[in-house]
Amino acid sequence: MKVYALSGLGADERLFENMELDVPAQLIPLPWISPGNSQTIADYAARIVDHYKPEPGSILMGVSFGGMIIQEMAHLMKANSLVLISTMTSRDDLPLAMKTAAAARIHPILKKDFLSGLAWLGDKFTSKSKEGRDLFYQMIQDSDADVLSFGARAILDWRPPGIEAPVLRIHGDKDRVFPLKKEWNAKVIKGGNHFIIFDKAREISGLVNDFLVL
C-alpha cells in the first residue's frame, strides 16, 4: 500500500521524517517539481501526476498546500483515500487575511524574499520544538523560488473541486494559518499548530495507521 505525500508550501519531504506508518503501508514523500506554465493548482496537480505517475488505488497525503494539490490529483487518478493535514477543502476555509489579499490582487509581490520574511515573522507567534524550528528555517531557505511564488498566488485563487474519495482530516486546534472550524469533522490535535506533521508526528501516525486499516 503506497502513501504518496506532499508537504506544505516552503517545505519539502523532510517534513515527514518523523512519521511512522505500519507495514505494509509505504510512505513516499514527493519532492516539488517546477510549476512550468501552471496557472492554477489543478494545472500543477496534473504536472505532478504526469511526472510521478502514482499508482492507481494508492493513498494520497497532503499537508497545507500539499493537501490542496492532492484534492486535485484525486480527480485525475483513482485514489483509494485522502489524508488531509492542516489544509483547506472549501473557499470558506480561507482566513480573512487571505481573502483580503486575494481581493486586493497582491499576487505580483508574492516573491520568495517577501514570503520568506512573512514566514519568519509568523513563526515568532507559534510554538515549535527546537528541532522543528531549525528544520522550518532550513526548508524556507532551501525552498524553490518558483514553486513558492506560484503556490502563494495559486492558493489565493483556488476553487476546491470537492472530495469524492474517503478522507481523514487532521488539524491542530491552535492552527493560525487555517483556524480550526467545528464543522470540519476533523481529528483534532490538542495544542497543535500548523506544524503538527513534524512536531506531533507520533500522534498523527497513529491516526493515519488506524484510518488505513478501516
C-alpha atoms as a PDB file:
ATOM      1  CA  MET A   1       0.000   0.000   0.000  1.00  0.00           C
ATOM      2  CA  LYS A   2       1.680   3.189  -1.187  1.00  0.00           C
ATOM      3  CA  VAL A   3       1.057   6.518   0.511  1.00  0.00           C
ATOM      4  CA  TYR A   4       2.219   9.426  -1.643  1.00  0.00           C
ATOM      5  CA  ALA A   5       2.810  12.555   0.430  1.00  0.00           C
ATOM      6  CA  LEU A   6       3.169  16.228  -0.454  1.00  0.00           C
ATOM      7  CA  SER A   7       4.455  18.785   2.041  1.00  0.00           C
ATOM      8  CA  GLY A   8       3.360  22.355   2.637  1.00  0.00           C
ATOM      9  CA  LEU A   9       4.450  25.390   0.649  1.00  0.00           C
ATOM     10  CA  GLY A  10       8.013  26.396   1.510  1.00  0.00           C
ATOM     11  CA  ALA A  11       8.620  22.937   2.998  1.00  0.00           C
ATOM     12  CA  ASP A  12       9.856  19.681   1.489  1.00  0.00           C
ATOM     13  CA  GLU A  13       9.899  15.931   2.063  1.00  0.00           C
ATOM     14  CA  ARG A  14      11.904  16.336   5.303  1.00  0.00           C
ATOM     15  CA  LEU A  15       8.620  17.394   6.885  1.00  0.00           C
ATOM     16  CA  PHE A  16       7.618  13.706   7.035  1.00  0.00           C
ATOM     17  CA  GLU A  17      10.782  12.331   8.606  1.00  0.00           C
ATOM     18  CA  ASN A  18       9.137  11.685  11.986  1.00  0.00           C
ATOM     19  CA  MET A  19       6.158   9.814  10.503  1.00  0.00           C
ATOM     20  CA  GLU A  20       5.992   6.061  11.162  1.00  0.00           C
ATOM     21  CA  LEU A  21       3.386   4.097   9.212  1.00  0.00           C
ATOM     22  CA  ASP A  22       2.697   0.432   9.897  1.00  0.00           C
ATOM     23  CA  VAL A  23       3.747  -2.128   7.302  1.00  0.00           C
ATOM     24  CA  PRO A  24       2.552  -2.752   4.590  1.00  0.00           C
ATOM     25  CA  ALA A  25       1.959   0.996   4.153  1.00  0.00           C
ATOM     26  CA  GLN A  26       4.906   2.623   2.366  1.00  0.00           C
ATOM     27  CA  LEU A  27       5.256   6.390   2.801  1.00  0.00           C
ATOM     28  CA  ILE A  28       6.620   8.049  -0.347  1.00  0.00           C
ATOM     29  CA  PRO A  29       7.228  11.805   0.051  1.00  0.00           C
ATOM     30  CA  LEU A  30       7.252  13.564  -3.327  1.00  0.00           C
ATOM     31  CA  PRO A  31       9.695  16.452  -3.879  1.00  0.00           C
ATOM     32  CA  TRP A  32       8.249  19.553  -5.506  1.00  0.00           C
ATOM     33  CA  ILE A  33       8.763  19.947  -9.247  1.00  0.00           C
ATOM     34  CA  SER A  34       8.833  23.089 -11.363  1.00  0.00           C
ATOM     35  CA  PRO A  35       5.390  24.631 -11.877  1.00  0.00           C
ATOM     36  CA  GLY A  36       6.279  25.238 -15.527  1.00  0.00           C
ATOM     37  CA  ASN A  37       3.392  27.048 -17.190  1.00  0.00           C
ATOM     38  CA  SER A  38       0.889  26.124 -14.477  1.00  0.00           C
ATOM     39  CA  GLN A  39      -1.648  28.837 -13.755  1.00  0.00           C
ATOM     40  CA  THR A  40      -3.760  27.012 -11.185  1.00  0.00           C
ATOM     41  CA  ILE A  41      -3.440  24.333  -8.533  1.00  0.00           C
ATOM     42  CA  ALA A  42      -5.307  21.983 -10.875  1.00  0.00           C
ATOM     43  CA  ASP A  43      -2.678  22.608 -13.583  1.00  0.00           C
ATOM     44  CA  TYR A  44       0.130  21.860 -11.143  1.00  0.00           C
ATOM     45  CA  ALA A  45      -1.582  18.702  -9.856  1.00  0.00           C
ATOM     46  CA  ALA A  46      -1.735  17.429 -13.434  1.00  0.00           C
ATOM     47  CA  ARG A  47       2.027  18.039 -13.822  1.00  0.00           C
ATOM     48  CA  ILE A  48       2.732  16.109 -10.636  1.00  0.00           C
ATOM     49  CA  VAL A  49       0.566  13.160 -11.704  1.00  0.00           C
ATOM     50  CA  ASP A  50       2.254  13.098 -15.110  1.00  0.00           C
ATOM     51  CA  HIS A  51       5.736  13.362 -13.552  1.00  0.00           C
ATOM     52  CA  TYR A  52       5.453  10.822 -10.719  1.00  0.00           C
ATOM     53  CA  LYS A  53       2.712   8.566 -12.147  1.00  0.00           C
ATOM     54  CA  PRO A  54       1.366   7.460  -8.751  1.00  0.00           C
ATOM     55  CA  GLU A  55      -0.180   4.002  -8.747  1.00  0.00           C
ATOM     56  CA  PRO A  56      -3.980   3.841  -9.017  1.00  0.00           C
ATOM     57  CA  GLY A  57      -5.579   2.736  -5.774  1.00  0.00           C
ATOM     58  CA  SER A  58      -2.900   4.373  -3.631  1.00  0.00           C
ATOM     59  CA  ILE A  59      -3.413   6.784  -0.732  1.00  0.00           C
ATOM     60  CA  LEU A  60      -2.672  10.484  -1.135  1.00  0.00           C
ATOM     61  CA  MET A  61      -1.463  12.522   1.853  1.00  0.00           C
ATOM     62  CA  GLY A  62      -1.040  16.292   1.798  1.00  0.00           C
ATOM     63  CA  VAL A  63      -0.100  18.988   4.274  1.00  0.00           C
ATOM     64  CA  SER A  64      -1.420  22.553   3.816  1.00  0.00           C
ATOM     65  CA  PHE A  65      -0.648  23.452   0.161  1.00  0.00           C
ATOM     66  CA  GLY A  66       0.098  19.772  -0.460  1.00  0.00           C
ATOM     67  CA  GLY A  67      -3.389  18.940   0.778  1.00  0.00           C
ATOM     68  CA  MET A  68      -4.857  21.214  -1.864  1.00  0.00           C
ATOM     69  CA  ILE A  69      -2.758  19.561  -4.563  1.00  0.00           C
ATOM     70  CA  ILE A  70      -3.847  16.029  -3.647  1.00  0.00           C
ATOM     71  CA  GLN A  71      -7.512  17.020  -3.776  1.00  0.00           C
ATOM     72  CA  GLU A  72      -6.961  17.963  -7.415  1.00  0.00           C
ATOM     73  CA  MET A  73      -4.841  14.827  -8.018  1.00  0.00           C
ATOM     74  CA  ALA A  74      -7.714  12.668  -6.788  1.00  0.00           C
ATOM     75  CA  HIS A  75      -9.790  13.926  -9.725  1.00  0.00           C
ATOM     76  CA  LEU A  76      -7.088  12.812 -12.175  1.00  0.00           C
ATOM     77  CA  MET A  77      -6.330   9.325 -10.833  1.00  0.00           C
ATOM     78  CA  LYS A  78      -8.103   6.580  -8.933  1.00  0.00           C
ATOM     79  CA  ALA A  79      -7.064   7.255  -5.347  1.00  0.00           C
ATOM     80  CA  ASN A  80      -8.032   4.865  -2.561  1.00  0.00           C
ATOM     81  CA  SER A  81      -8.395   7.641   0.004  1.00  0.00           C
ATOM     82  CA  LEU A  82      -7.029  11.010   1.097  1.00  0.00           C
ATOM     83  CA  VAL A  83      -5.281  12.163   4.267  1.00  0.00           C
ATOM     84  CA  LEU A  84      -5.600  15.933   4.646  1.00  0.00           C
ATOM     85  CA  ILE A  85      -3.442  17.605   7.281  1.00  0.00           C
ATOM     86  CA  SER A  86      -3.528  21.305   8.218  1.00  0.00           C
ATOM     87  CA  THR A  87      -5.265  22.250   4.986  1.00  0.00           C
ATOM     88  CA  MET A  88      -8.482  23.618   3.496  1.00  0.00           C
ATOM     89  CA  THR A  89     -11.236  21.969   1.457  1.00  0.00           C
ATOM     90  CA  SER A  90     -13.542  24.933   0.825  1.00  0.00           C
ATOM     91  CA  ARG A  91     -13.215  28.546  -0.220  1.00  0.00           C
ATOM     92  CA  ASP A  92     -14.858  29.375   3.089  1.00  0.00           C
ATOM     93  CA  ASP A  93     -11.805  27.944   4.889  1.00  0.00           C
ATOM     94  CA  LEU A  94      -9.626  30.840   3.722  1.00  0.00           C
ATOM     95  CA  PRO A  95      -8.963  33.183   6.639  1.00  0.00           C
ATOM     96  CA  LEU A  96      -9.986  36.822   6.258  1.00  0.00           C
ATOM     97  CA  ALA A  97      -6.421  37.988   5.681  1.00  0.00           C
ATOM     98  CA  MET A  98      -6.051  35.688   2.657  1.00  0.00           C
ATOM     99  CA  LYS A  99      -9.458  36.649   1.278  1.00  0.00           C
ATOM    100  CA  THR A 100      -8.472  40.302   1.575  1.00  0.00           C
ATOM    101  CA  ALA A 101      -5.130  39.634  -0.132  1.00  0.00           C
ATOM    102  CA  ALA A 102      -6.898  37.817  -2.953  1.00  0.00           C
ATOM    103  CA  ALA A 103      -9.386  40.634  -3.442  1.00  0.00           C
ATOM    104  CA  ALA A 104      -6.578  43.212  -3.430  1.00  0.00           C
ATOM    105  CA  ARG A 105      -4.729  41.217  -6.132  1.00  0.00           C
ATOM    106  CA  ILE A 106      -1.376  41.390  -4.329  1.00  0.00           C
ATOM    107  CA  HIS A 107      -0.120  38.495  -6.471  1.00  0.00           C
ATOM    108  CA  PRO A 108       2.812  40.401  -8.106  1.00  0.00           C
ATOM    109  CA  ILE A 109       4.570  40.926  -4.755  1.00  0.00           C
ATOM    110  CA  LEU A 110       4.403  37.259  -3.750  1.00  0.00           C
ATOM    111  CA  LYS A 111       8.080  36.514  -4.366  1.00  0.00           C
ATOM    112  CA  LYS A 112      10.410  34.372  -2.278  1.00  0.00           C
ATOM    113  CA  ASP A 113      12.014  37.238  -0.336  1.00  0.00           C
ATOM    114  CA  PHE A 114       8.637  38.644   0.681  1.00  0.00           C
ATOM    115  CA  LEU A 115       7.139  35.239   1.507  1.00  0.00           C
ATOM    116  CA  SER A 116      10.210  34.111   3.447  1.00  0.00           C
ATOM    117  CA  GLY A 117      10.079  37.252   5.559  1.00  0.00           C
ATOM    118  CA  LEU A 118       6.365  36.706   6.161  1.00  0.00           C
ATOM    119  CA  ALA A 119       7.001  33.097   7.198  1.00  0.00           C
ATOM    120  CA  TRP A 120       9.771  34.095   9.594  1.00  0.00           C
ATOM    121  CA  LEU A 121       7.536  36.770  11.128  1.00  0.00           C
ATOM    122  CA  GLY A 122       4.636  34.364  11.525  1.00  0.00           C
ATOM    123  CA  ASP A 123       6.913  31.809  13.134  1.00  0.00           C
ATOM    124  CA  LYS A 124       7.555  34.197  16.022  1.00  0.00           C
ATOM    125  CA  PHE A 125       3.935  33.720  17.080  1.00  0.00           C
ATOM    126  CA  THR A 126       3.945  29.903  17.056  1.00  0.00           C
ATOM    127  CA  SER A 127       5.473  27.287  19.321  1.00  0.00           C
ATOM    128  CA  LYS A 128       7.759  24.634  17.866  1.00  0.00           C
ATOM    129  CA  SER A 129      10.331  22.232  19.175  1.00  0.00           C
ATOM    130  CA  LYS A 130      13.924  23.379  18.654  1.00  0.00           C
ATOM    131  CA  GLU A 131      14.354  20.622  16.092  1.00  0.00           C
ATOM    132  CA  GLY A 132      11.174  21.696  14.326  1.00  0.00           C
ATOM    133  CA  ARG A 133      12.114  25.368  14.266  1.00  0.00           C
ATOM    134  CA  ASP A 134      15.590  24.611  12.900  1.00  0.00           C
ATOM    135  CA  LEU A 135      14.041  22.474  10.158  1.00  0.00           C
ATOM    136  CA  PHE A 136      11.428  25.129   9.381  1.00  0.00           C
ATOM    137  CA  TYR A 137      14.080  27.793   8.783  1.00  0.00           C
ATOM    138  CA  GLN A 138      16.241  25.428   6.745  1.00  0.00           C
ATOM    139  CA  MET A 139      13.359  24.396   4.494  1.00  0.00           C
ATOM    140  CA  ILE A 140      12.350  28.008   3.869  1.00  0.00           C
ATOM    141  CA  GLN A 141      15.942  28.839   2.940  1.00  0.00           C
ATOM    142  CA  ASP A 142      16.160  25.815   0.625  1.00  0.00           C
ATOM    143  CA  SER A 143      12.748  26.293  -0.979  1.00  0.00           C
ATOM    144  CA  ASP A 144      12.427  26.760  -4.723  1.00  0.00           C
ATOM    145  CA  ALA A 145      11.557  30.381  -5.526  1.00  0.00           C
ATOM    146  CA  ASP A 146       9.323  29.492  -8.483  1.00  0.00           C
ATOM    147  CA  VAL A 147       7.309  26.914  -6.528  1.00  0.00           C
ATOM    148  CA  LEU A 148       6.963  29.273  -3.561  1.00  0.00           C
ATOM    149  CA  SER A 149       5.766  32.202  -5.665  1.00  0.00           C
ATOM    150  CA  PHE A 150       3.419  30.105  -7.804  1.00  0.00           C
ATOM    151  CA  GLY A 151       1.925  28.343  -4.794  1.00  0.00           C
ATOM    152  CA  ALA A 152       1.228  31.541  -2.866  1.00  0.00           C
ATOM    153  CA  ARG A 153      -0.590  33.049  -5.860  1.00  0.00           C
ATOM    154  CA  ALA A 154      -2.487  29.867  -6.683  1.00  0.00           C
ATOM    155  CA  ILE A 155      -3.765  29.368  -3.124  1.00  0.00           C
ATOM    156  CA  LEU A 156      -5.430  32.794  -3.169  1.00  0.00           C
ATOM    157  CA  ASP A 157      -7.360  31.901  -6.330  1.00  0.00           C
ATOM    158  CA  TRP A 158      -8.088  28.215  -5.650  1.00  0.00           C
ATOM    159  CA  ARG A 159     -11.597  26.867  -6.003  1.00  0.00           C
ATOM    160  CA  PRO A 160     -11.634  23.441  -4.276  1.00  0.00           C
ATOM    161  CA  PRO A 161     -13.034  20.695  -6.529  1.00  0.00           C
ATOM    162  CA  GLY A 162     -14.882  18.727  -3.850  1.00  0.00           C
ATOM    163  CA  ILE A 163     -13.841  15.377  -2.383  1.00  0.00           C
ATOM    164  CA  GLU A 164     -15.288  12.065  -3.549  1.00  0.00           C
ATOM    165  CA  ALA A 165     -12.845   9.550  -2.010  1.00  0.00           C
ATOM    166  CA  PRO A 166     -12.845   8.561   1.690  1.00  0.00           C
ATOM    167  CA  VAL A 167     -10.939  11.169   3.668  1.00  0.00           C
ATOM    168  CA  LEU A 168      -9.169  11.526   7.012  1.00  0.00           C
ATOM    169  CA  ARG A 169      -8.827  15.145   8.043  1.00  0.00           C
ATOM    170  CA  ILE A 170      -6.365  16.090  10.797  1.00  0.00           C
ATOM    171  CA  HIS A 171      -5.995  19.599  12.190  1.00  0.00           C
ATOM    172  CA  GLY A 172      -4.410  21.355  15.138  1.00  0.00           C
ATOM    173  CA  ASP A 173      -6.653  23.399  17.410  1.00  0.00           C
ATOM    174  CA  LYS A 174      -4.006  26.156  17.532  1.00  0.00           C
ATOM    175  CA  ASP A 175      -3.515  26.423  13.772  1.00  0.00           C
ATOM    176  CA  ARG A 176      -3.276  30.138  12.892  1.00  0.00           C
ATOM    177  CA  VAL A 177      -2.912  29.690   9.139  1.00  0.00           C
ATOM    178  CA  PHE A 178      -6.211  27.847   8.681  1.00  0.00           C
ATOM    179  CA  PRO A 179      -8.019  28.182  12.025  1.00  0.00           C
ATOM    180  CA  LEU A 180      -9.955  25.064  13.024  1.00  0.00           C
ATOM    181  CA  LYS A 181     -13.733  25.001  12.496  1.00  0.00           C
ATOM    182  CA  LYS A 182     -16.089  22.630  14.296  1.00  0.00           C
ATOM    183  CA  GLU A 183     -17.949  21.656  11.146  1.00  0.00           C
ATOM    184  CA  TRP A 184     -14.847  20.153   9.545  1.00  0.00           C
ATOM    185  CA  ASN A 185     -15.290  16.779  11.279  1.00  0.00           C
ATOM    186  CA  ALA A 186     -11.515  16.649  11.713  1.00  0.00           C
ATOM    187  CA  LYS A 187      -9.408  14.622  14.098  1.00  0.00           C
ATOM    188  CA  VAL A 188      -8.180  17.395  16.367  1.00  0.00           C
ATOM    189  CA  ILE A 189      -4.614  17.564  17.662  1.00  0.00           C
ATOM    190  CA  LYS A 190      -4.774  19.341  21.010  1.00  0.00           C
ATOM    191  CA  GLY A 191      -2.252  22.162  21.233  1.00  0.00           C
ATOM    192  CA  GLY A 192      -1.252  21.568  17.628  1.00  0.00           C
ATOM    193  CA  ASN A 193      -0.364  24.419  15.276  1.00  0.00           C
ATOM    194  CA  HIS A 194       0.277  24.447  11.528  1.00  0.00           C
ATOM    195  CA  PHE A 195       3.481  22.409  12.024  1.00  0.00           C
ATOM    196  CA  ILE A 196       1.823  19.345  13.582  1.00  0.00           C
ATOM    197  CA  ILE A 197       3.024  16.985  10.853  1.00  0.00           C
ATOM    198  CA  PHE A 198       6.535  17.257  12.305  1.00  0.00           C
ATOM    199  CA  ASP A 199       6.158  18.072  15.992  1.00  0.00           C
ATOM    200  CA  LYS A 200       3.087  15.846  16.514  1.00  0.00           C
ATOM    201  CA  ALA A 201       4.131  13.105  14.087  1.00  0.00           C
ATOM    202  CA  ARG A 202       3.644  10.220  16.526  1.00  0.00           C
ATOM    203  CA  GLU A 203       0.039  11.187  17.226  1.00  0.00           C
ATOM    204  CA  ILE A 204      -0.669  11.766  13.549  1.00  0.00           C
ATOM    205  CA  SER A 205       0.969   8.460  12.603  1.00  0.00           C
ATOM    206  CA  GLY A 206      -1.402   6.668  14.971  1.00  0.00           C
ATOM    207  CA  LEU A 207      -4.446   8.343  13.434  1.00  0.00           C
ATOM    208  CA  VAL A 208      -3.286   7.527   9.900  1.00  0.00           C
ATOM    209  CA  ASN A 209      -2.477   3.901  10.792  1.00  0.00           C
ATOM    210  CA  ASP A 210      -5.972   3.470  12.279  1.00  0.00           C
ATOM    211  CA  PHE A 211      -7.522   5.007   9.175  1.00  0.00           C
ATOM    212  CA  LEU A 212      -5.584   2.747   6.790  1.00  0.00           C
ATOM    213  CA  VAL A 213      -6.871  -0.457   8.386  1.00  0.00           C
ATOM    214  CA  LEU A 214     -10.543   0.525   8.174  1.00  0.00           C
END
